[in-house]
């Protein structure tokens, strides 16, 4: 009953003025409750943006699971 999703522009190409490289959305859904966050990671290298996005979504999952337990 848990879903995680990411989308965005990790780089090094593909950015625009409105959506620069490092613009990433993350989402977590637990039992139908959805939380989303916009990340502005900056123009780092692709691997770093992917790693930061992964850490951020796992942290979001951790926070949401802790909220359910309380």
C-alpha atoms as a PDB file:
ATOM      1  CA  UNK A   1       0.000   0.000   0.000  1.00  0.00           C
ATOM      2  CA  UNK A   2       2.965   2.304  -0.552  1.00  0.00           C
ATOM      3  CA  UNK A   3       3.923   4.070  -3.758  1.00  0.00           C
ATOM      4  CA  UNK A   4       6.919   6.278  -4.456  1.00  0.00           C
ATOM      5  CA  UNK A   5       7.577   8.338  -7.577  1.00  0.00           C
ATOM      6  CA  UNK A   6      10.101  10.804  -8.913  1.00  0.00           C
ATOM      7  CA  UNK A   7      10.170  12.897 -12.052  1.00  0.00           C
ATOM      8  CA  UNK A   8      12.299  15.752 -13.182  1.00  0.00           C
ATOM      9  CA  UNK A   9      15.432  16.864 -14.930  1.00  0.00           C
ATOM     10  CA  UNK A  10      18.564  15.292 -13.492  1.00  0.00           C
ATOM     11  CA  UNK A  11      20.808  16.720 -16.213  1.00  0.00           C
ATOM     12  CA  UNK A  12      23.174  17.428 -17.661  1.00  0.00           C
ATOM     13  CA  UNK A  13      20.827  18.440 -20.513  1.00  0.00           C
ATOM     14  CA  UNK A  14      17.110  18.983 -20.830  1.00  0.00           C
ATOM     15  CA  UNK A  15      16.671  21.990 -18.592  1.00  0.00           C
ATOM     16  CA  UNK A  16      14.759  25.104 -19.587  1.00  0.00           C
ATOM     17  CA  UNK A  17      14.415  28.523 -18.032  1.00  0.00           C
ATOM     18  CA  UNK A  18      11.150  27.433 -16.365  1.00  0.00           C
ATOM     19  CA  UNK A  19      12.456  23.974 -15.395  1.00  0.00           C
ATOM     20  CA  UNK A  20      16.214  24.123 -14.942  1.00  0.00           C
ATOM     21  CA  UNK A  21      18.407  21.085 -14.428  1.00  0.00           C
ATOM     22  CA  UNK A  22      17.936  19.868 -10.863  1.00  0.00           C
ATOM     23  CA  UNK A  23      14.166  20.444 -10.813  1.00  0.00           C
ATOM     24  CA  UNK A  24      12.698  17.228  -9.381  1.00  0.00           C
ATOM     25  CA  UNK A  25       9.293  16.301  -7.983  1.00  0.00           C
ATOM     26  CA  UNK A  26       9.000  13.477  -5.461  1.00  0.00           C
ATOM     27  CA  UNK A  27       5.790  11.827  -4.280  1.00  0.00           C
ATOM     28  CA  UNK A  28       4.833   9.318  -1.611  1.00  0.00           C
ATOM     29  CA  UNK A  29       1.431   7.640  -1.342  1.00  0.00           C
ATOM     30  CA  UNK A  30       0.507   5.545   1.681  1.00  0.00           C
ATOM     31  CA  UNK A  31      -3.010   4.128   1.908  1.00  0.00           C
ATOM     32  CA  UNK A  32      -4.301   6.787  -0.494  1.00  0.00           C
ATOM     33  CA  UNK A  33      -2.678   9.745   1.296  1.00  0.00           C
ATOM     34  CA  UNK A  34      -0.365  11.547  -1.141  1.00  0.00           C
ATOM     35  CA  UNK A  35       2.475  13.913  -0.255  1.00  0.00           C
ATOM     36  CA  UNK A  36       4.512  15.710  -2.902  1.00  0.00           C
ATOM     37  CA  UNK A  37       7.568  17.939  -2.757  1.00  0.00           C
ATOM     38  CA  UNK A  38       9.416  20.018  -5.300  1.00  0.00           C
ATOM     39  CA  UNK A  39      13.203  19.832  -5.086  1.00  0.00           C
ATOM     40  CA  UNK A  40      15.485  22.439  -6.641  1.00  0.00           C
ATOM     41  CA  UNK A  41      18.807  20.625  -6.562  1.00  0.00           C
ATOM     42  CA  UNK A  42      20.734  22.973  -8.806  1.00  0.00           C
ATOM     43  CA  UNK A  43      22.926  22.324 -11.802  1.00  0.00           C
ATOM     44  CA  UNK A  44      24.980  19.504 -10.332  1.00  0.00           C
ATOM     45  CA  UNK A  45      26.073  16.441 -12.222  1.00  0.00           C
ATOM     46  CA  UNK A  46      23.419  13.857 -13.109  1.00  0.00           C
ATOM     47  CA  UNK A  47      24.538  11.196 -10.627  1.00  0.00           C
ATOM     48  CA  UNK A  48      24.512  13.659  -7.726  1.00  0.00           C
ATOM     49  CA  UNK A  49      20.984  14.835  -8.615  1.00  0.00           C
ATOM     50  CA  UNK A  50      19.798  11.227  -8.800  1.00  0.00           C
ATOM     51  CA  UNK A  51      21.392  10.401  -5.447  1.00  0.00           C
ATOM     52  CA  UNK A  52      19.944  13.492  -3.755  1.00  0.00           C
ATOM     53  CA  UNK A  53      16.495  12.719  -5.170  1.00  0.00           C
ATOM     54  CA  UNK A  54      16.740   9.146  -3.889  1.00  0.00           C
ATOM     55  CA  UNK A  55      17.707  10.288  -0.409  1.00  0.00           C
ATOM     56  CA  UNK A  56      14.925  12.862  -0.359  1.00  0.00           C
ATOM     57  CA  UNK A  57      12.203  10.389  -1.343  1.00  0.00           C
ATOM     58  CA  UNK A  58      13.404   7.805   1.178  1.00  0.00           C
ATOM     59  CA  UNK A  59      13.390  10.499   3.850  1.00  0.00           C
ATOM     60  CA  UNK A  60       9.855  11.492   2.846  1.00  0.00           C
ATOM     61  CA  UNK A  61       8.798   7.855   3.174  1.00  0.00           C
ATOM     62  CA  UNK A  62      10.449   7.663   6.614  1.00  0.00           C
ATOM     63  CA  UNK A  63       8.652  10.795   7.798  1.00  0.00           C
ATOM     64  CA  UNK A  64       5.286   9.587   6.536  1.00  0.00           C
ATOM     65  CA  UNK A  65       5.688   6.159   8.144  1.00  0.00           C
ATOM     66  CA  UNK A  66       6.654   7.794  11.440  1.00  0.00           C
ATOM     67  CA  UNK A  67       3.563   9.991  11.240  1.00  0.00           C
ATOM     68  CA  UNK A  68       1.337   6.927  10.803  1.00  0.00           C
ATOM     69  CA  UNK A  69       2.890   5.207  13.830  1.00  0.00           C
ATOM     70  CA  UNK A  70       2.231   8.173  16.135  1.00  0.00           C
END
